[in-house]
Structures are given as C-alpha cells and as structure tokens.
N, C-alpha and C. Protein backbone atom coordinates (compact mmCIF):
# COMPACT_ATOMS: atom_id res chain seq x y z
N MET A 1 -2.05 -4.46 -15.59
CA MET A 1 -1.54 -4.81 -14.36
C MET A 1 -0.34 -3.76 -13.94
N PHE A 2 0.49 -3.68 -15.07
CA PHE A 2 1.60 -2.66 -14.81
C PHE A 2 1.31 -1.39 -14.57
N LEU A 3 0.03 -1.00 -15.08
CA LEU A 3 -0.49 0.61 -14.90
C LEU A 3 -0.95 0.45 -13.59
N LEU A 4 -1.87 -0.44 -12.95
CA LEU A 4 -2.07 -0.59 -11.75
C LEU A 4 -1.07 -0.37 -10.52
N LEU A 5 -0.04 -1.22 -10.71
CA LEU A 5 1.30 -1.03 -9.96
C LEU A 5 1.75 0.10 -9.93
N ASN A 6 1.93 0.71 -11.19
CA ASN A 6 2.45 2.19 -11.03
C ASN A 6 1.67 3.06 -10.30
N ILE A 7 0.42 3.23 -10.41
CA ILE A 7 -0.65 4.10 -9.57
C ILE A 7 -0.29 3.84 -8.22
N ILE A 8 -0.15 2.59 -7.79
CA ILE A 8 -0.03 2.24 -6.45
C ILE A 8 1.29 2.81 -6.10
N SER A 9 2.38 2.65 -6.92
CA SER A 9 3.45 3.13 -6.44
C SER A 9 3.72 4.79 -6.34
N ILE A 10 2.92 5.52 -7.15
CA ILE A 10 2.60 6.77 -7.22
C ILE A 10 2.05 7.35 -5.96
N ILE A 11 0.71 6.58 -5.58
CA ILE A 11 0.23 6.92 -4.55
C ILE A 11 1.13 6.78 -2.98
N ALA A 12 1.81 5.69 -3.11
CA ALA A 12 2.73 5.50 -2.11
C ALA A 12 3.63 6.63 -2.14
N THR A 13 4.22 6.84 -2.92
CA THR A 13 5.12 8.09 -2.85
C THR A 13 4.85 9.43 -2.34
N LEU A 14 3.31 9.67 -2.96
CA LEU A 14 2.79 10.84 -2.29
C LEU A 14 2.27 10.98 -0.87
N ILE A 15 2.06 9.67 -0.63
CA ILE A 15 1.86 9.45 1.15
C ILE A 15 3.17 9.77 1.74
N VAL A 16 4.05 9.25 1.55
CA VAL A 16 5.43 9.45 1.87
C VAL A 16 5.81 10.80 2.13
N ILE A 17 5.62 11.53 0.84
CA ILE A 17 6.18 12.87 0.71
C ILE A 17 5.33 13.87 1.65
N GLU A 18 4.03 13.49 1.76
CA GLU A 18 3.19 14.24 2.62
C GLU A 18 3.36 14.06 4.08
N GLY A 19 3.88 12.93 4.69
CA GLY A 19 3.99 12.53 5.79
C GLY A 19 5.50 13.21 6.27
N VAL A 20 6.44 13.28 5.19
CA VAL A 20 7.66 13.71 5.58
C VAL A 20 7.70 15.44 5.62
N ILE A 21 6.74 15.86 4.60
CA ILE A 21 6.76 17.34 4.96
C ILE A 21 6.07 17.82 6.21
N TYR A 22 5.13 17.18 6.58
CA TYR A 22 4.31 17.57 7.75
C TYR A 22 5.14 17.40 8.95
N PHE A 23 6.03 16.07 8.85
CA PHE A 23 7.18 15.95 9.78
C PHE A 23 8.15 16.90 10.06
N ALA A 24 8.79 17.29 8.83
CA ALA A 24 9.65 18.33 8.86
C ALA A 24 9.18 19.80 9.23
N LEU A 25 7.66 20.14 8.86
CA LEU A 25 7.21 21.42 9.25
C LEU A 25 6.98 21.61 10.89
N ASN A 26 6.39 20.18 11.42
CA ASN A 26 6.12 20.32 13.08
C ASN A 26 7.66 20.15 13.56
N SER A 27 8.78 19.56 13.14
CA SER A 27 9.70 19.72 13.94
C SER A 27 10.51 21.14 13.89
N THR A 28 10.55 21.84 12.63
CA THR A 28 11.30 23.25 12.56
C THR A 28 10.22 24.38 13.05
N ILE A 29 9.17 24.41 12.43
CA ILE A 29 8.16 25.65 12.67
C ILE A 29 6.94 24.95 13.27
N GLY A 30 6.91 24.05 14.06
CA GLY A 30 5.63 23.39 14.49
C GLY A 30 4.93 24.35 15.67
N ARG A 31 5.71 25.37 16.23
CA ARG A 31 5.02 26.34 17.24
C ARG A 31 4.01 27.16 16.41
N ILE A 32 4.16 27.29 15.17
CA ILE A 32 3.30 28.18 14.62
C ILE A 32 1.88 27.62 14.30
N SER A 33 0.94 28.49 14.65
CA SER A 33 -0.28 27.84 14.84
C SER A 33 -1.01 27.44 13.11
N TYR A 34 -0.70 28.02 12.37
CA TYR A 34 -1.30 27.48 10.92
C TYR A 34 -0.40 26.12 10.61
N VAL A 35 0.56 25.68 11.00
CA VAL A 35 1.30 24.49 10.43
C VAL A 35 0.30 23.65 11.28
N LYS A 36 0.14 22.35 10.54
CA LYS A 36 -0.55 21.25 11.05
C LYS A 36 0.43 20.61 11.86
N LYS A 37 -0.35 20.25 13.10
CA LYS A 37 0.59 19.16 13.84
C LYS A 37 0.51 17.76 13.44
N LEU A 38 1.67 17.06 13.89
CA LEU A 38 1.95 15.96 13.48
C LEU A 38 1.02 15.02 14.45
N GLU A 39 0.09 14.15 13.91
CA GLU A 39 -0.76 13.42 14.52
C GLU A 39 -0.57 12.01 14.22
N TYR A 40 -1.25 10.92 15.15
CA TYR A 40 -1.07 9.72 14.98
C TYR A 40 -1.38 9.26 13.54
N LYS A 41 -2.32 9.67 12.75
CA LYS A 41 -2.81 9.20 11.37
C LYS A 41 -1.80 9.81 10.46
N ASP A 42 -0.87 10.64 10.64
CA ASP A 42 0.16 11.05 9.76
C ASP A 42 1.30 10.00 9.98
N ILE A 43 1.62 9.83 10.88
CA ILE A 43 2.52 8.47 11.20
C ILE A 43 2.06 7.15 10.39
N PHE A 44 0.83 7.07 10.87
CA PHE A 44 0.18 5.91 10.17
C PHE A 44 0.28 5.71 8.72
N PHE A 45 -0.17 6.93 7.98
CA PHE A 45 -0.06 7.07 6.67
C PHE A 45 1.53 6.82 6.05
N LEU A 46 2.40 7.66 6.84
CA LEU A 46 3.83 7.67 6.55
C LEU A 46 4.02 6.09 6.56
N CYS A 47 4.04 5.30 7.57
CA CYS A 47 4.36 3.87 7.41
C CYS A 47 3.56 3.06 6.19
N ILE A 48 2.50 3.53 6.13
CA ILE A 48 1.79 2.66 5.00
C ILE A 48 2.50 2.69 3.70
N GLY A 49 2.75 4.20 3.36
CA GLY A 49 3.46 4.56 2.30
C GLY A 49 4.76 4.04 2.02
N LEU A 50 5.55 3.86 3.23
CA LEU A 50 6.95 3.46 3.33
C LEU A 50 6.95 1.85 2.60
N ILE A 51 5.77 1.16 3.56
CA ILE A 51 5.66 -0.33 3.28
C ILE A 51 5.16 -0.59 1.89
N LEU A 52 4.27 0.26 1.17
CA LEU A 52 3.90 0.17 -0.15
C LEU A 52 5.19 0.44 -1.32
N ILE A 53 6.09 1.47 -0.94
CA ILE A 53 7.22 1.79 -1.75
C ILE A 53 8.15 0.45 -1.39
N LEU A 54 8.37 -0.01 -0.50
CA LEU A 54 9.13 -1.40 -0.34
C LEU A 54 8.50 -2.57 -1.12
N PHE A 55 7.26 -2.49 -1.29
CA PHE A 55 6.70 -3.56 -2.08
C PHE A 55 7.11 -3.46 -3.52
N PHE A 56 6.42 -2.20 -3.83
CA PHE A 56 6.77 -1.79 -5.46
C PHE A 56 7.86 -0.99 -5.59
N PHE A 57 9.21 -1.23 -5.14
CA PHE A 57 10.23 -0.45 -5.40
C PHE A 57 10.62 -0.56 -6.73
N GLU A 58 10.75 -1.49 -7.55
CA GLU A 58 11.09 -1.62 -8.86
C GLU A 58 10.27 -0.74 -9.86
N PHE A 59 9.30 -0.29 -9.31
CA PHE A 59 8.55 0.79 -10.15
C PHE A 59 9.10 2.07 -10.11
N HIS A 60 9.83 2.29 -9.21
CA HIS A 60 10.43 3.51 -8.85
C HIS A 60 11.50 3.79 -9.77
N LEU A 61 12.22 2.65 -10.11
CA LEU A 61 13.42 2.97 -11.03
C LEU A 61 13.39 3.38 -12.10
N PRO A 62 14.07 4.07 -12.76
CA PRO A 62 13.69 4.53 -14.24
C PRO A 62 14.29 3.63 -15.17
N TYR A 63 14.02 3.37 -16.42
CA TYR A 63 14.02 2.48 -17.46
C TYR A 63 14.36 1.11 -17.00
N ASN A 64 13.21 0.48 -16.53
CA ASN A 64 13.55 -0.96 -15.95
C ASN A 64 13.67 -1.91 -17.30
C-alpha cells in the first residue's frame, strides 16, 4: 500500500512539473511556434496533479 501511494505521489509530481513547464514556456516564449501552447487539458492535468499532491503530501516529505 505504501508503494502504491508513493507511485501516485510521483505521478502527481510529474503532472504538476509538466504543467508548470508548459505554463512557463507559454508565458515567456509562447510566441515561438515549436513551443506547445497552453491548452485546457494542461490546466486540467495541473489541477489534478495539485489535488493529488495535497492528498498525498506526507509522502513528499523526506524521512517520514
């Protein structure tokens, strides 16, 4: 069970990192055509990732 919760927290972290990177790229150099534009699905995944991190926050802290 602990392993499953750690996997969920890692996936949530990756989702949030992906959303933040796309948001930052779109805000700074979004006019360049090869940068993926921020879409509704990116905002959706970013929100899901943040909610999952809030639910499994204790697994992100080192040395529990």
